[in-house]
Amino acid sequence: MEVAELEKVHAAKVVDARGSACPGPLLEAKAAIGTVPVGQTIEVWSGDPSTKKDLPRWAAKIGHEFLGAIEADGYDRIFIVRRK
């Protein structure tokens, strides 16, 4: 998804994991995805560069949809849609 499209995505839940190092952001995303209804999006904020690789892999393995990531001021905004 393009950056402009991602900026318009409304997340049902924002997970602020900027203070966490790997695997913290992934663990926080795992906990958060179960709190939103199927079809809704979570947005994970992370300053750990490995999160941009870890979350798409986890989403694909579990069956969720990784929409993409946007670079913000010192962190990444990562969007995942709950699919099951």
N, C-alpha and C. Protein backbone atom coordinates (compact mmCIF):
# COMPACT_ATOMS: atom_id res chain seq x y z
N MET A 1 0.85 -1.18 0.00
CA MET A 1 0.00 0.00 0.00
C MET A 1 0.90 1.24 0.00
N GLU A 2 0.50 2.25 -0.73
CA GLU A 2 1.26 3.50 -0.81
C GLU A 2 1.21 4.27 0.51
N VAL A 3 2.22 5.09 0.75
CA VAL A 3 2.29 5.88 1.98
C VAL A 3 1.05 6.76 2.14
N ALA A 4 0.63 7.40 1.07
CA ALA A 4 -0.55 8.28 1.14
C ALA A 4 -1.80 7.50 1.56
N GLU A 5 -1.92 6.27 1.07
CA GLU A 5 -3.07 5.43 1.45
C GLU A 5 -2.97 5.00 2.91
N LEU A 6 -1.76 4.63 3.34
CA LEU A 6 -1.57 4.21 4.73
C LEU A 6 -1.88 5.34 5.70
N GLU A 7 -1.55 6.56 5.32
CA GLU A 7 -1.82 7.70 6.20
C GLU A 7 -3.31 7.91 6.43
N LYS A 8 -4.15 7.37 5.54
CA LYS A 8 -5.60 7.51 5.67
C LYS A 8 -6.25 6.35 6.43
N VAL A 9 -5.46 5.30 6.73
CA VAL A 9 -6.00 4.13 7.43
C VAL A 9 -6.36 4.51 8.86
N HIS A 10 -7.57 4.13 9.27
CA HIS A 10 -7.98 4.35 10.66
C HIS A 10 -7.75 3.06 11.43
N ALA A 11 -6.87 3.12 12.40
CA ALA A 11 -6.58 1.95 13.22
C ALA A 11 -7.57 1.87 14.38
N ALA A 12 -8.09 0.67 14.60
CA ALA A 12 -8.98 0.45 15.74
C ALA A 12 -8.19 0.52 17.05
N LYS A 13 -6.90 0.22 16.96
CA LYS A 13 -6.04 0.25 18.15
C LYS A 13 -4.63 0.64 17.73
N VAL A 14 -4.02 1.53 18.52
CA VAL A 14 -2.63 1.91 18.31
C VAL A 14 -1.81 1.32 19.45
N VAL A 15 -0.74 0.62 19.10
CA VAL A 15 0.15 0.01 20.07
C VAL A 15 1.45 0.81 20.07
N ASP A 16 1.71 1.51 21.16
CA ASP A 16 2.93 2.31 21.26
C ASP A 16 4.03 1.46 21.89
N ALA A 17 4.85 0.86 21.02
CA ALA A 17 5.95 -0.01 21.48
C ALA A 17 7.30 0.66 21.23
N ARG A 18 7.30 1.99 21.18
CA ARG A 18 8.55 2.70 20.87
C ARG A 18 9.64 2.48 21.89
N GLY A 19 9.30 2.15 23.13
CA GLY A 19 10.32 1.94 24.16
C GLY A 19 10.79 0.50 24.25
N SER A 20 10.23 -0.38 23.44
CA SER A 20 10.54 -1.81 23.51
C SER A 20 11.55 -2.21 22.45
N ALA A 21 12.46 -3.10 22.85
CA ALA A 21 13.39 -3.69 21.90
C ALA A 21 12.85 -5.07 21.51
N CYS A 22 13.34 -5.59 20.42
CA CYS A 22 12.94 -6.91 19.94
C CYS A 22 13.08 -7.94 21.06
N PRO A 23 12.12 -8.77 21.32
CA PRO A 23 10.88 -9.01 20.58
C PRO A 23 9.67 -8.26 21.16
N GLY A 24 9.88 -7.24 21.97
CA GLY A 24 8.79 -6.52 22.62
C GLY A 24 7.68 -6.06 21.70
N PRO A 25 8.01 -5.34 20.61
CA PRO A 25 6.93 -4.88 19.71
C PRO A 25 6.10 -6.02 19.12
N LEU A 26 6.75 -7.13 18.80
CA LEU A 26 6.03 -8.28 18.27
C LEU A 26 5.09 -8.85 19.33
N LEU A 27 5.58 -8.98 20.56
CA LEU A 27 4.73 -9.50 21.64
C LEU A 27 3.55 -8.57 21.91
N GLU A 28 3.79 -7.27 21.86
CA GLU A 28 2.70 -6.31 22.06
C GLU A 28 1.68 -6.38 20.93
N ALA A 29 2.16 -6.58 19.68
CA ALA A 29 1.25 -6.72 18.53
C ALA A 29 0.40 -7.98 18.67
N LYS A 30 1.03 -9.08 19.11
CA LYS A 30 0.30 -10.33 19.31
C LYS A 30 -0.82 -10.15 20.33
N ALA A 31 -0.53 -9.45 21.40
CA ALA A 31 -1.55 -9.22 22.43
C ALA A 31 -2.65 -8.31 21.92
N ALA A 32 -2.29 -7.29 21.15
CA ALA A 32 -3.26 -6.29 20.70
C ALA A 32 -4.19 -6.81 19.61
N ILE A 33 -3.71 -7.66 18.73
CA ILE A 33 -4.52 -8.09 17.59
C ILE A 33 -5.79 -8.80 18.06
N GLY A 34 -5.73 -9.49 19.18
CA GLY A 34 -6.90 -10.18 19.70
C GLY A 34 -7.93 -9.27 20.34
N THR A 35 -7.59 -8.00 20.51
CA THR A 35 -8.52 -7.07 21.16
C THR A 35 -9.37 -6.29 20.16
N VAL A 36 -9.10 -6.47 18.86
CA VAL A 36 -9.89 -5.77 17.84
C VAL A 36 -10.69 -6.80 17.05
N PRO A 37 -11.85 -6.40 16.53
CA PRO A 37 -12.65 -7.34 15.73
C PRO A 37 -11.95 -7.72 14.42
N VAL A 38 -12.31 -8.90 13.90
CA VAL A 38 -11.81 -9.34 12.60
C VAL A 38 -12.16 -8.27 11.56
N GLY A 39 -11.20 -7.93 10.71
CA GLY A 39 -11.40 -6.91 9.69
C GLY A 39 -10.91 -5.53 10.12
N GLN A 40 -10.59 -5.38 11.41
CA GLN A 40 -10.09 -4.10 11.90
C GLN A 40 -8.56 -4.08 11.87
N THR A 41 -8.01 -2.89 11.96
CA THR A 41 -6.57 -2.68 11.83
C THR A 41 -5.94 -2.27 13.16
N ILE A 42 -4.74 -2.80 13.41
CA ILE A 42 -3.92 -2.27 14.50
C ILE A 42 -2.75 -1.53 13.87
N GLU A 43 -2.29 -0.51 14.56
CA GLU A 43 -1.13 0.26 14.14
C GLU A 43 -0.10 0.13 15.25
N VAL A 44 1.08 -0.37 14.90
CA VAL A 44 2.14 -0.57 15.89
C VAL A 44 3.22 0.48 15.64
N TRP A 45 3.56 1.21 16.70
CA TRP A 45 4.65 2.18 16.64
C TRP A 45 5.88 1.53 17.24
N SER A 46 6.98 1.51 16.49
CA SER A 46 8.19 0.87 16.99
C SER A 46 9.44 1.60 16.52
N GLY A 47 10.38 1.75 17.43
CA GLY A 47 11.66 2.34 17.09
C GLY A 47 12.72 1.29 16.79
N ASP A 48 12.36 0.01 16.95
CA ASP A 48 13.28 -1.09 16.69
C ASP A 48 13.22 -1.44 15.20
N PRO A 49 14.33 -1.28 14.47
CA PRO A 49 14.30 -1.51 13.02
C PRO A 49 13.90 -2.93 12.61
N SER A 50 14.15 -3.91 13.44
CA SER A 50 13.80 -5.29 13.07
C SER A 50 12.30 -5.53 13.05
N THR A 51 11.54 -4.65 13.71
CA THR A 51 10.08 -4.82 13.76
C THR A 51 9.48 -4.77 12.35
N LYS A 52 10.06 -3.95 11.46
CA LYS A 52 9.52 -3.84 10.09
C LYS A 52 9.63 -5.16 9.34
N LYS A 53 10.55 -6.02 9.73
CA LYS A 53 10.68 -7.34 9.11
C LYS A 53 9.90 -8.40 9.89
N ASP A 54 9.93 -8.28 11.22
CA ASP A 54 9.29 -9.30 12.06
C ASP A 54 7.76 -9.31 11.94
N LEU A 55 7.14 -8.13 11.96
CA LEU A 55 5.67 -8.08 11.95
C LEU A 55 5.06 -8.60 10.65
N PRO A 56 5.60 -8.26 9.47
CA PRO A 56 5.01 -8.84 8.25
C PRO A 56 5.13 -10.37 8.21
N ARG A 57 6.27 -10.90 8.68
CA ARG A 57 6.45 -12.36 8.71
C ARG A 57 5.44 -13.01 9.65
N TRP A 58 5.29 -12.42 10.83
CA TRP A 58 4.34 -12.96 11.80
C TRP A 58 2.91 -12.90 11.24
N ALA A 59 2.54 -11.77 10.66
CA ALA A 59 1.19 -11.61 10.12
C ALA A 59 0.90 -12.67 9.04
N ALA A 60 1.86 -12.88 8.14
CA ALA A 60 1.68 -13.87 7.08
C ALA A 60 1.56 -15.28 7.65
N LYS A 61 2.37 -15.59 8.64
CA LYS A 61 2.36 -16.91 9.26
C LYS A 61 1.04 -17.20 9.97
N ILE A 62 0.48 -16.19 10.62
CA ILE A 62 -0.74 -16.35 11.41
C ILE A 62 -2.00 -16.24 10.54
N GLY A 63 -1.90 -15.49 9.43
CA GLY A 63 -3.06 -15.32 8.56
C GLY A 63 -3.67 -13.93 8.60
N HIS A 64 -2.92 -12.96 9.13
CA HIS A 64 -3.38 -11.58 9.12
C HIS A 64 -2.79 -10.87 7.90
N GLU A 65 -3.23 -9.65 7.65
CA GLU A 65 -2.78 -8.91 6.47
C GLU A 65 -1.90 -7.73 6.86
N PHE A 66 -0.67 -7.75 6.39
CA PHE A 66 0.25 -6.64 6.58
C PHE A 66 -0.02 -5.61 5.49
N LEU A 67 -0.40 -4.40 5.89
CA LEU A 67 -0.70 -3.35 4.91
C LEU A 67 0.54 -2.57 4.49
N GLY A 68 1.47 -2.39 5.42
CA GLY A 68 2.68 -1.64 5.11
C GLY A 68 3.16 -0.87 6.32
N ALA A 69 4.20 -0.07 6.10
CA ALA A 69 4.80 0.72 7.18
C ALA A 69 5.12 2.11 6.67
N ILE A 70 5.05 3.07 7.57
CA ILE A 70 5.40 4.46 7.29
C ILE A 70 6.48 4.87 8.27
N GLU A 71 7.50 5.54 7.76
CA GLU A 71 8.52 6.08 8.66
C GLU A 71 8.00 7.38 9.26
N ALA A 72 8.05 7.46 10.58
CA ALA A 72 7.64 8.67 11.29
C ALA A 72 8.91 9.32 11.87
N ASP A 73 8.75 10.18 12.82
CA ASP A 73 9.88 10.90 13.40
C ASP A 73 10.61 10.02 14.42
N GLY A 74 11.53 9.19 13.94
CA GLY A 74 12.31 8.34 14.83
C GLY A 74 11.70 6.98 15.12
N TYR A 75 10.61 6.64 14.46
CA TYR A 75 9.98 5.33 14.65
C TYR A 75 9.20 4.96 13.40
N ASP A 76 8.74 3.72 13.35
CA ASP A 76 7.93 3.23 12.23
C ASP A 76 6.50 3.02 12.70
N ARG A 77 5.56 3.29 11.79
CA ARG A 77 4.15 3.01 12.01
C ARG A 77 3.80 1.83 11.11
N ILE A 78 3.43 0.71 11.72
CA ILE A 78 3.21 -0.53 10.99
C ILE A 78 1.73 -0.92 11.12
N PHE A 79 1.11 -1.25 9.99
CA PHE A 79 -0.33 -1.50 9.94
C PHE A 79 -0.63 -2.96 9.61
N ILE A 80 -1.46 -3.59 10.45
CA ILE A 80 -1.84 -4.98 10.25
C ILE A 80 -3.35 -5.12 10.45
N VAL A 81 -4.00 -5.83 9.52
CA VAL A 81 -5.44 -6.09 9.60
C VAL A 81 -5.65 -7.50 10.17
N ARG A 82 -6.51 -7.59 11.18
CA ARG A 82 -6.86 -8.90 11.74
C ARG A 82 -7.76 -9.62 10.75
N ARG A 83 -7.36 -10.84 10.36
CA ARG A 83 -8.12 -11.59 9.38
C ARG A 83 -8.75 -12.87 9.92
N LYS A 84 -8.47 -13.19 11.19
CA LYS A 84 -9.13 -14.39 11.76
C LYS A 84 -9.25 -14.25 13.25
